[in-house]
C-alpha atoms as a PDB file:
ATOM      1  CA  MET A   1     126.252 116.659  -0.553  1.00  0.00           C
ATOM      2  CA  LEU A   2     124.596 112.976  -0.875  1.00  0.00           C
ATOM      3  CA  TYR A   3     124.188 112.304  -4.217  1.00  0.00           C
ATOM      4  CA  GLN A   4     125.739 113.480  -7.303  1.00  0.00           C
ATOM      5  CA  GLU A   5     124.426 111.080  -9.864  1.00  0.00           C
ATOM      6  CA  GLU A   6     121.981 108.278 -10.136  1.00  0.00           C
ATOM      7  CA  SER A   7     122.334 105.309 -12.441  1.00  0.00           C
ATOM      8  CA  PRO A   8     120.916 101.638 -12.568  1.00  0.00           C
ATOM      9  CA  GLN A   9     124.576 100.557 -11.403  1.00  0.00           C
ATOM     10  CA  LYS A  10     125.060 102.897  -8.783  1.00  0.00           C
ATOM     11  CA  ARG A  11     121.560 103.525  -7.260  1.00  0.00           C
ATOM     12  CA  LEU A  12     121.262 101.565  -3.974  1.00  0.00           C
ATOM     13  CA  ALA A  13     118.442  99.050  -4.515  1.00  0.00           C
ATOM     14  CA  ALA A  14     117.410  99.301  -1.009  1.00  0.00           C
ATOM     15  CA  VAL A  15     113.437  98.361  -0.257  1.00  0.00           C
ATOM     16  CA  TYR A  16     112.932  99.118   3.722  1.00  0.00           C
ATOM     17  CA  GLN A  17     109.369 100.063   3.379  1.00  0.00           C
ATOM     18  CA  PRO A  18     107.826  96.524   3.882  1.00  0.00           C
ATOM     19  CA  ILE A  19     110.285  95.983   7.409  1.00  0.00           C
ATOM     20  CA  ALA A  20     109.355  99.709   8.410  1.00  0.00           C
ATOM     21  CA  TYR A  21     106.741  98.653  10.241  1.00  0.00           C
ATOM     22  CA  LYS A  22     107.284  95.647  11.233  1.00  0.00           C
ATOM     23  CA  THR A  23     108.538  96.880  14.960  1.00  0.00           C
ATOM     24  CA  LEU A  24     105.473  98.818  15.535  1.00  0.00           C
ATOM     25  CA  PHE A  25     103.241  95.793  14.307  1.00  0.00           C
ATOM     26  CA  TYR A  26     104.936  93.380  16.500  1.00  0.00           C
ATOM     27  CA  TRP A  27     104.572  96.272  19.651  1.00  0.00           C
ATOM     28  CA  LEU A  28     100.592  95.946  18.367  1.00  0.00           C
ATOM     29  CA  LEU A  29     100.417  92.347  18.669  1.00  0.00           C
ATOM     30  CA  MET A  30     102.199  92.571  22.015  1.00  0.00           C
ATOM     31  CA  LEU A  31      99.443  95.324  23.527  1.00  0.00           C
ATOM     32  CA  SER A  32      96.505  93.235  21.828  1.00  0.00           C
ATOM     33  CA  LEU A  33      97.677  90.148  23.782  1.00  0.00           C
ATOM     34  CA  MET A  34      98.220  92.119  26.887  1.00  0.00           C
ATOM     35  CA  LEU A  35      94.637  93.573  26.555  1.00  0.00           C
ATOM     36  CA  PHE A  36      93.466  90.099  26.075  1.00  0.00           C
ATOM     37  CA  GLY A  37      95.455  88.672  29.247  1.00  0.00           C
ATOM     38  CA  VAL A  38      93.700  91.720  31.430  1.00  0.00           C
ATOM     39  CA  PHE A  39      90.499  91.269  29.823  1.00  0.00           C
ATOM     40  CA  ILE A  40      90.591  87.268  30.881  1.00  0.00           C
ATOM     41  CA  CYS A  41      91.722  88.155  34.100  1.00  0.00           C
ATOM     42  CA  TRP A  42      89.650  90.549  35.189  1.00  0.00           C
ATOM     43  CA  ASP A  43      86.642  88.475  34.043  1.00  0.00           C
ATOM     44  CA  LEU A  44      87.907  85.797  36.236  1.00  0.00           C
ATOM     45  CA  GLN A  45      88.058  88.223  39.068  1.00  0.00           C
ATOM     46  CA  LEU A  46      92.240  87.856  39.314  1.00  0.00           C
ATOM     47  CA  ILE A  47      92.609  91.688  39.078  1.00  0.00           C
ATOM     48  CA  GLN A  48      89.806  92.878  41.730  1.00  0.00           C
ATOM     49  CA  GLY A  49      91.643  90.493  44.100  1.00  0.00           C
ATOM     50  CA  LEU A  50      94.955  91.281  43.666  1.00  0.00           C
ATOM     51  CA  PHE A  51      94.736  95.171  44.712  1.00  0.00           C
ATOM     52  CA  SER A  52      92.123  94.074  47.292  1.00  0.00           C
ATOM     53  CA  GLN A  53      94.646  92.044  48.869  1.00  0.00           C
ATOM     54  CA  ASP A  54      97.795  94.261  48.320  1.00  0.00           C
ATOM     55  CA  LYS A  55      97.637  96.880  50.939  1.00  0.00           C
ATOM     56  CA  THR A  56     100.989  98.339  49.991  1.00  0.00           C
ATOM     57  CA  ARG A  57      99.957  99.537  46.610  1.00  0.00           C
ATOM     58  CA  ILE A  58     103.335  98.137  45.127  1.00  0.00           C
ATOM     59  CA  SER A  59     101.074  95.985  42.684  1.00  0.00           C
ATOM     60  CA  LEU A  60      99.472  99.063  41.385  1.00  0.00           C
ATOM     61  CA  VAL A  61     102.995 101.457  41.169  1.00  0.00           C
ATOM     62  CA  ILE A  62     104.289  98.539  39.008  1.00  0.00           C
ATOM     63  CA  THR A  63     101.057  98.766  37.041  1.00  0.00           C
ATOM     64  CA  VAL A  64     101.202 101.590  36.145  1.00  0.00           C
ATOM     65  CA  MET A  65     105.154 101.692  35.596  1.00  0.00           C
ATOM     66  CA  LEU A  66     104.523  98.944  33.265  1.00  0.00           C
ATOM     67  CA  LEU A  67     101.535 101.252  31.765  1.00  0.00           C
ATOM     68  CA  VAL A  68     103.985 104.055  31.145  1.00  0.00           C
ATOM     69  CA  MET A  69     106.171 102.431  30.018  1.00  0.00           C
ATOM     70  CA  THR A  70     104.065 100.518  27.673  1.00  0.00           C
ATOM     71  CA  LEU A  71     102.776 103.992  25.561  1.00  0.00           C
ATOM     72  CA  HIS A  72     106.324 104.844  25.646  1.00  0.00           C
ATOM     73  CA  ALA A  73     107.628 101.665  23.864  1.00  0.00           C
ATOM     74  CA  GLY A  74     104.482 102.579  21.229  1.00  0.00           C
ATOM     75  CA  TYR A  75     106.160 105.284  20.856  1.00  0.00           C
ATOM     76  CA  ARG A  76     109.905 104.489  19.889  1.00  0.00           C
ATOM     77  CA  SER A  77     108.770 101.519  17.866  1.00  0.00           C
ATOM     78  CA  LEU A  78     106.446 104.635  15.756  1.00  0.00           C
ATOM     79  CA  PHE A  79     110.083 106.373  15.616  1.00  0.00           C
ATOM     80  CA  ILE A  80     112.304 103.725  14.234  1.00  0.00           C
ATOM     81  CA  ALA A  81     109.576 102.825  11.893  1.00  0.00           C
ATOM     82  CA  ARG A  82     109.685 106.614  10.452  1.00  0.00           C
ATOM     83  CA  GLN A  83     113.078 106.304  10.441  1.00  0.00           C
ATOM     84  CA  PHE A  84     113.134 103.128   8.240  1.00  0.00           C
ATOM     85  CA  LEU A  85     110.806 104.928   5.994  1.00  0.00           C
ATOM     86  CA  MET A  86     113.182 108.233   5.582  1.00  0.00           C
ATOM     87  CA  PHE A  87     116.305 105.684   5.599  1.00  0.00           C
ATOM     88  CA  ASP A  88     114.655 103.542   2.092  1.00  0.00           C
ATOM     89  CA  GLN A  89     113.411 107.032   1.016  1.00  0.00           C
ATOM     90  CA  LEU A  90     116.905 108.306   1.358  1.00  0.00           C
ATOM     91  CA  PHE A  91     118.512 105.634  -0.399  1.00  0.00           C
ATOM     92  CA  ASN A  92     115.624 104.753  -3.114  1.00  0.00           C
ATOM     93  CA  ARG A  93     114.984 108.316  -4.528  1.00  0.00           C
ATOM     94  CA  HIS A  94     114.377 108.526  -8.321  1.00  0.00           C
ATOM     95  CA  ALA A  95     115.978 111.845  -9.088  1.00  0.00           C
ATOM     96  CA  ALA A  96     119.127 111.983  -8.116  1.00  0.00           C
ATOM     97  CA  SER A  97     119.624 115.142  -5.963  1.00  0.00           C
ATOM     98  CA  THR A  98     122.632 117.648  -4.388  1.00  0.00           C
ATOM     99  CA  LYS A  99     120.342 118.595  -1.273  1.00  0.00           C
ATOM    100  CA  SER A 100     119.808 117.058   1.731  1.00  0.00           C
ATOM    101  CA  PRO A 101     115.965 115.615   1.482  1.00  0.00           C
ATOM    102  CA  TYR A 102     115.312 116.325   5.295  1.00  0.00           C
ATOM    103  CA  PRO A 103     116.110 118.707   7.749  1.00  0.00           C
ATOM    104  CA  THR A 104     119.388 117.811   9.484  1.00  0.00           C
ATOM    105  CA  GLY A 105     118.433 115.954  12.938  1.00  0.00           C
ATOM    106  CA  THR A 106     115.946 114.530  11.409  1.00  0.00           C
ATOM    107  CA  SER A 107     116.912 111.365   9.731  1.00  0.00           C
ATOM    108  CA  ILE A 108     119.372 109.325  11.796  1.00  0.00           C
ATOM    109  CA  ALA A 109     121.142 107.924   8.802  1.00  0.00           C
ATOM    110  CA  GLN A 110     121.327 110.953   6.546  1.00  0.00           C
ATOM    111  CA  ASP A 111     123.062 112.668   9.398  1.00  0.00           C
ATOM    112  CA  TYR A 112     125.203 109.542   9.268  1.00  0.00           C
ATOM    113  CA  LEU A 113     125.651 110.228   5.942  1.00  0.00           C
ATOM    114  CA  VAL A 114     126.590 113.817   6.047  1.00  0.00           C
ATOM    115  CA  ASN A 115     129.016 113.231   9.174  1.00  0.00           C
ATOM    116  CA  ALA A 116     130.724 110.541   7.819  1.00  0.00           C
ATOM    117  CA  GLY A 117     133.752 109.652   9.392  1.00  0.00           C
ATOM    118  CA  VAL A 118     133.029 112.948  11.917  1.00  0.00           C
ATOM    119  CA  LEU A 119     129.632 111.021  13.427  1.00  0.00           C
ATOM    120  CA  GLN A 120     130.953 107.434  14.845  1.00  0.00           C
ATOM    121  CA  ALA A 121     128.725 103.711  15.079  1.00  0.00           C
ATOM    122  CA  GLU A 122     128.517 104.225  18.292  1.00  0.00           C
ATOM    123  CA  VAL A 123     126.767 107.769  18.051  1.00  0.00           C
ATOM    124  CA  LEU A 124     124.646 106.252  15.739  1.00  0.00           C
ATOM    125  CA  ALA A 125     123.986 103.316  17.828  1.00  0.00           C
ATOM    126  CA  GLU A 126     122.977 105.855  20.986  1.00  0.00           C
ATOM    127  CA  ARG A 127     120.825 107.647  19.236  1.00  0.00           C
ATOM    128  CA  ILE A 128     118.040 105.212  17.148  1.00  0.00           C
ATOM    129  CA  ARG A 129     118.368 103.332  20.964  1.00  0.00           C
ATOM    130  CA  GLY A 130     116.851 106.677  22.262  1.00  0.00           C
ATOM    131  CA  SER A 131     115.947 106.412  25.824  1.00  0.00           C
ATOM    132  CA  HIS A 132     115.374 102.983  25.493  1.00  0.00           C
ATOM    133  CA  GLN A 133     118.039 102.795  28.409  1.00  0.00           C
ATOM    134  CA  ILE A 134     115.269 104.627  30.202  1.00  0.00           C
ATOM    135  CA  GLY A 135     113.171 101.107  29.841  1.00  0.00           C
ATOM    136  CA  TRP A 136     115.622  98.760  31.097  1.00  0.00           C
ATOM    137  CA  PHE A 137     115.785 101.027  34.068  1.00  0.00           C
ATOM    138  CA  VAL A 138     111.941 100.461  35.223  1.00  0.00           C
ATOM    139  CA  THR A 139     112.773  96.542  34.053  1.00  0.00           C
ATOM    140  CA  GLY A 140     115.098  96.286  36.569  1.00  0.00           C
ATOM    141  CA  ALA A 141     112.827  98.733  39.088  1.00  0.00           C
ATOM    142  CA  MET A 142     109.838  96.738  38.221  1.00  0.00           C
ATOM    143  CA  LEU A 143     111.451  92.991  39.548  1.00  0.00           C
ATOM    144  CA  LYS A 144     112.998  95.121  42.845  1.00  0.00           C
ATOM    145  CA  LEU A 145     109.409  96.323  43.839  1.00  0.00           C
ATOM    146  CA  GLY A 146     107.767  92.971  43.482  1.00  0.00           C
ATOM    147  CA  LEU A 147     110.598  91.330  45.953  1.00  0.00           C
ATOM    148  CA  LEU A 148     110.433  94.640  48.285  1.00  0.00           C
ATOM    149  CA  GLY A 149     106.688  93.512  48.525  1.00  0.00           C
ATOM    150  CA  THR A 150     107.748  90.442  49.379  1.00  0.00           C
ATOM    151  CA  VAL A 151     110.264  90.967  51.586  1.00  0.00           C
ATOM    152  CA  ILE A 152     107.259  93.300  53.271  1.00  0.00           C
ATOM    153  CA  GLY A 153     104.602  90.746  53.615  1.00  0.00           C
ATOM    154  CA  PHE A 154     107.194  88.506  55.497  1.00  0.00           C
ATOM    155  CA  VAL A 155     107.714  91.108  57.618  1.00  0.00           C
ATOM    156  CA  ILE A 156     103.777  91.008  58.625  1.00  0.00           C
ATOM    157  CA  MET A 157     104.006  87.472  58.508  1.00  0.00           C
ATOM    158  CA  LEU A 158     106.929  87.746  61.420  1.00  0.00           C
ATOM    159  CA  GLY A 159     105.642  90.542  62.956  1.00  0.00           C
ATOM    160  CA  SER A 160     102.212  88.732  63.922  1.00  0.00           C
ATOM    161  CA  ILE A 161     103.299  85.813  65.624  1.00  0.00           C
ATOM    162  CA  HIS A 162     105.751  88.792  68.086  1.00  0.00           C
ATOM    163  CA  GLY A 163     104.717  88.930  71.184  1.00  0.00           C
ATOM    164  CA  LEU A 164     102.361  86.628  71.022  1.00  0.00           C
ATOM    165  CA  GLU A 165     101.891  84.550  74.607  1.00  0.00           C
ATOM    166  CA  THR A 166      99.470  82.732  74.892  1.00  0.00           C
ATOM    167  CA  LEU A 167      96.635  81.207  72.014  1.00  0.00           C
ATOM    168  CA  ASP A 168      93.460  80.546  72.098  1.00  0.00           C
ATOM    169  CA  LEU A 169      91.113  80.226  69.555  1.00  0.00           C
ATOM    170  CA  SER A 170      90.163  84.104  68.721  1.00  0.00           C
ATOM    171  CA  ASP A 171      94.000  84.276  68.909  1.00  0.00           C
ATOM    172  CA  ILE A 172      94.489  81.823  66.481  1.00  0.00           C
ATOM    173  CA  LYS A 173      92.211  82.823  63.793  1.00  0.00           C
ATOM    174  CA  ALA A 174      93.800  86.703  64.102  1.00  0.00           C
ATOM    175  CA  LEU A 175      96.882  85.259  63.930  1.00  0.00           C
ATOM    176  CA  MET A 176      96.211  83.230  60.979  1.00  0.00           C
ATOM    177  CA  GLN A 177      93.956  86.262  58.997  1.00  0.00           C
ATOM    178  CA  GLN A 178      97.641  88.264  59.836  1.00  0.00           C
ATOM    179  CA  MET A 179      99.654  85.750  58.073  1.00  0.00           C
ATOM    180  CA  THR A 180      97.482  85.193  55.079  1.00  0.00           C
ATOM    181  CA  GLU A 181      97.628  88.759  54.624  1.00  0.00           C
ATOM    182  CA  GLY A 182     101.348  88.612  54.756  1.00  0.00           C
ATOM    183  CA  MET A 183     101.371  85.846  52.097  1.00  0.00           C
ATOM    184  CA  GLY A 184      98.947  87.728  49.924  1.00  0.00           C
ATOM    185  CA  ILE A 185     101.102  90.819  49.543  1.00  0.00           C
ATOM    186  CA  ALA A 186     104.549  88.612  49.122  1.00  0.00           C
ATOM    187  CA  MET A 187     102.991  87.128  46.327  1.00  0.00           C
ATOM    188  CA  ASN A 188     100.689  88.664  44.680  1.00  0.00           C
ATOM    189  CA  THR A 189     103.489  91.991  44.385  1.00  0.00           C
ATOM    190  CA  THR A 190     106.325  88.508  43.333  1.00  0.00           C
ATOM    191  CA  ILE A 191     103.637  87.814  40.144  1.00  0.00           C
ATOM    192  CA  VAL A 192     102.893  91.533  39.557  1.00  0.00           C
ATOM    193  CA  GLY A 193     106.314  92.454  39.635  1.00  0.00           C
ATOM    194  CA  LEU A 194     107.779  88.880  37.364  1.00  0.00           C
ATOM    195  CA  VAL A 195     105.176  89.379  34.656  1.00  0.00           C
ATOM    196  CA  GLY A 196     105.417  93.864  34.564  1.00  0.00           C
ATOM    197  CA  SER A 197     108.947  93.111  33.834  1.00  0.00           C
ATOM    198  CA  LEU A 198     108.679  89.884  31.609  1.00  0.00           C
ATOM    199  CA  LEU A 199     105.988  91.546  29.458  1.00  0.00           C
ATOM    200  CA  LEU A 200     108.177  95.491  29.310  1.00  0.00           C
ATOM    201  CA  SER A 201     111.146  93.400  28.732  1.00  0.00           C
ATOM    202  CA  ALA A 202     110.038  91.839  25.496  1.00  0.00           C
ATOM    203  CA  GLN A 203     108.834  94.720  23.967  1.00  0.00           C
ATOM    204  CA  TYR A 204     112.543  96.615  24.511  1.00  0.00           C
ATOM    205  CA  LEU A 205     113.903  93.656  23.379  1.00  0.00           C
ATOM    206  CA  LEU A 206     112.117  94.362  20.177  1.00  0.00           C
ATOM    207  CA  LEU A 207     113.100  97.909  19.512  1.00  0.00           C
ATOM    208  CA  ASP A 208     116.555  97.132  20.132  1.00  0.00           C
ATOM    209  CA  ARG A 209     116.450  94.002  17.863  1.00  0.00           C
ATOM    210  CA  MET A 210     115.656  96.252  15.355  1.00  0.00           C
ATOM    211  CA  ALA A 211     117.339  99.644  16.594  1.00  0.00           C
ATOM    212  CA  ASP A 212     120.303  97.230  15.582  1.00  0.00           C
ATOM    213  CA  ARG A 213     118.949  96.129  12.594  1.00  0.00           C
ATOM    214  CA  PHE A 214     119.028  99.935  11.343  1.00  0.00           C
ATOM    215  CA  VAL A 215     122.660 100.573  12.176  1.00  0.00           C
ATOM    216  CA  GLN A 216     123.692  97.762  10.084  1.00  0.00           C
ATOM    217  CA  GLU A 217     122.220  98.356   7.513  1.00  0.00           C
ATOM    218  CA  THR A 218     122.857 102.272   7.528  1.00  0.00           C
ATOM    219  CA  LEU A 219     126.560 101.166   8.482  1.00  0.00           C
ATOM    220  CA  THR A 220     126.443  98.368   5.029  1.00  0.00           C
ATOM    221  CA  LEU A 221     124.932 100.947   3.122  1.00  0.00           C
ATOM    222  CA  SER A 222     127.414 104.200   3.794  1.00  0.00           C
ATOM    223  CA  GLU A 223     130.134 101.670   3.084  1.00  0.00           C
ATOM    224  CA  GLN A 224     128.390 100.963  -0.728  1.00  0.00           C
ATOM    225  CA  ALA A 225     128.031 104.093  -1.464  1.00  0.00           C
ATOM    226  CA  ILE A 226     131.445 105.106   0.050  1.00  0.00           C
ATOM    227  CA  SER A 227     133.159 102.843  -2.738  1.00  0.00           C
ATOM    228  CA  ASP A 228     130.228 103.207  -5.640  1.00  0.00           C
ATOM    229  CA  GLY A 229     131.150 107.442  -5.433  1.00  0.00           C
ATOM    230  CA  THR A 230     127.516 108.296  -4.528  1.00  0.00           C
ATOM    231  CA  VAL A 231     128.526 110.191  -0.956  1.00  0.00           C
END
């Protein structure tokens, strides 16, 4: 039972609607900046040259990972926004109720209040963070793929001079072409891995910060509700 009575003195004055979509707004802002950057790089022929020089396709794999996880971060930002909205309605209803307003498992804050003393704060944090660990894993994987491309590029560069005994004009031309190809792979995969990792880590850092705020506000207002006798 969440509420026994409601009065101006006991009513929990927490209005979270203005911040409910804050995470989603920031994610959309990041997405807009990313799309603008992609447009500029495409117009300057940078993206086309990057993918054409990378024979390993590691840059393409990193780009696909960034796209998929960016969509996942958008879904998670919408999920956190919905949790904040339910949190706001849960603590700021205009009429007292003896029943939970949401089905079990829908509102994380409500489940915590109903199971106060059973559901620990660590479980609350784990539920609101959800699958953020996957995002951080992919962020690290993108860096490692970039480093892998760097190693492959240097291997190609060194392999181009292996077994070369004499040099003439045609050999020097082929050697420079192979070394340039290896250097292009090394530099392109490194750049894509670093940039992709930075963009993705910024999104999941934002999600974690808002998740931490949700946990903090839930714990604070839960303690206030218990002290006021409204839970």
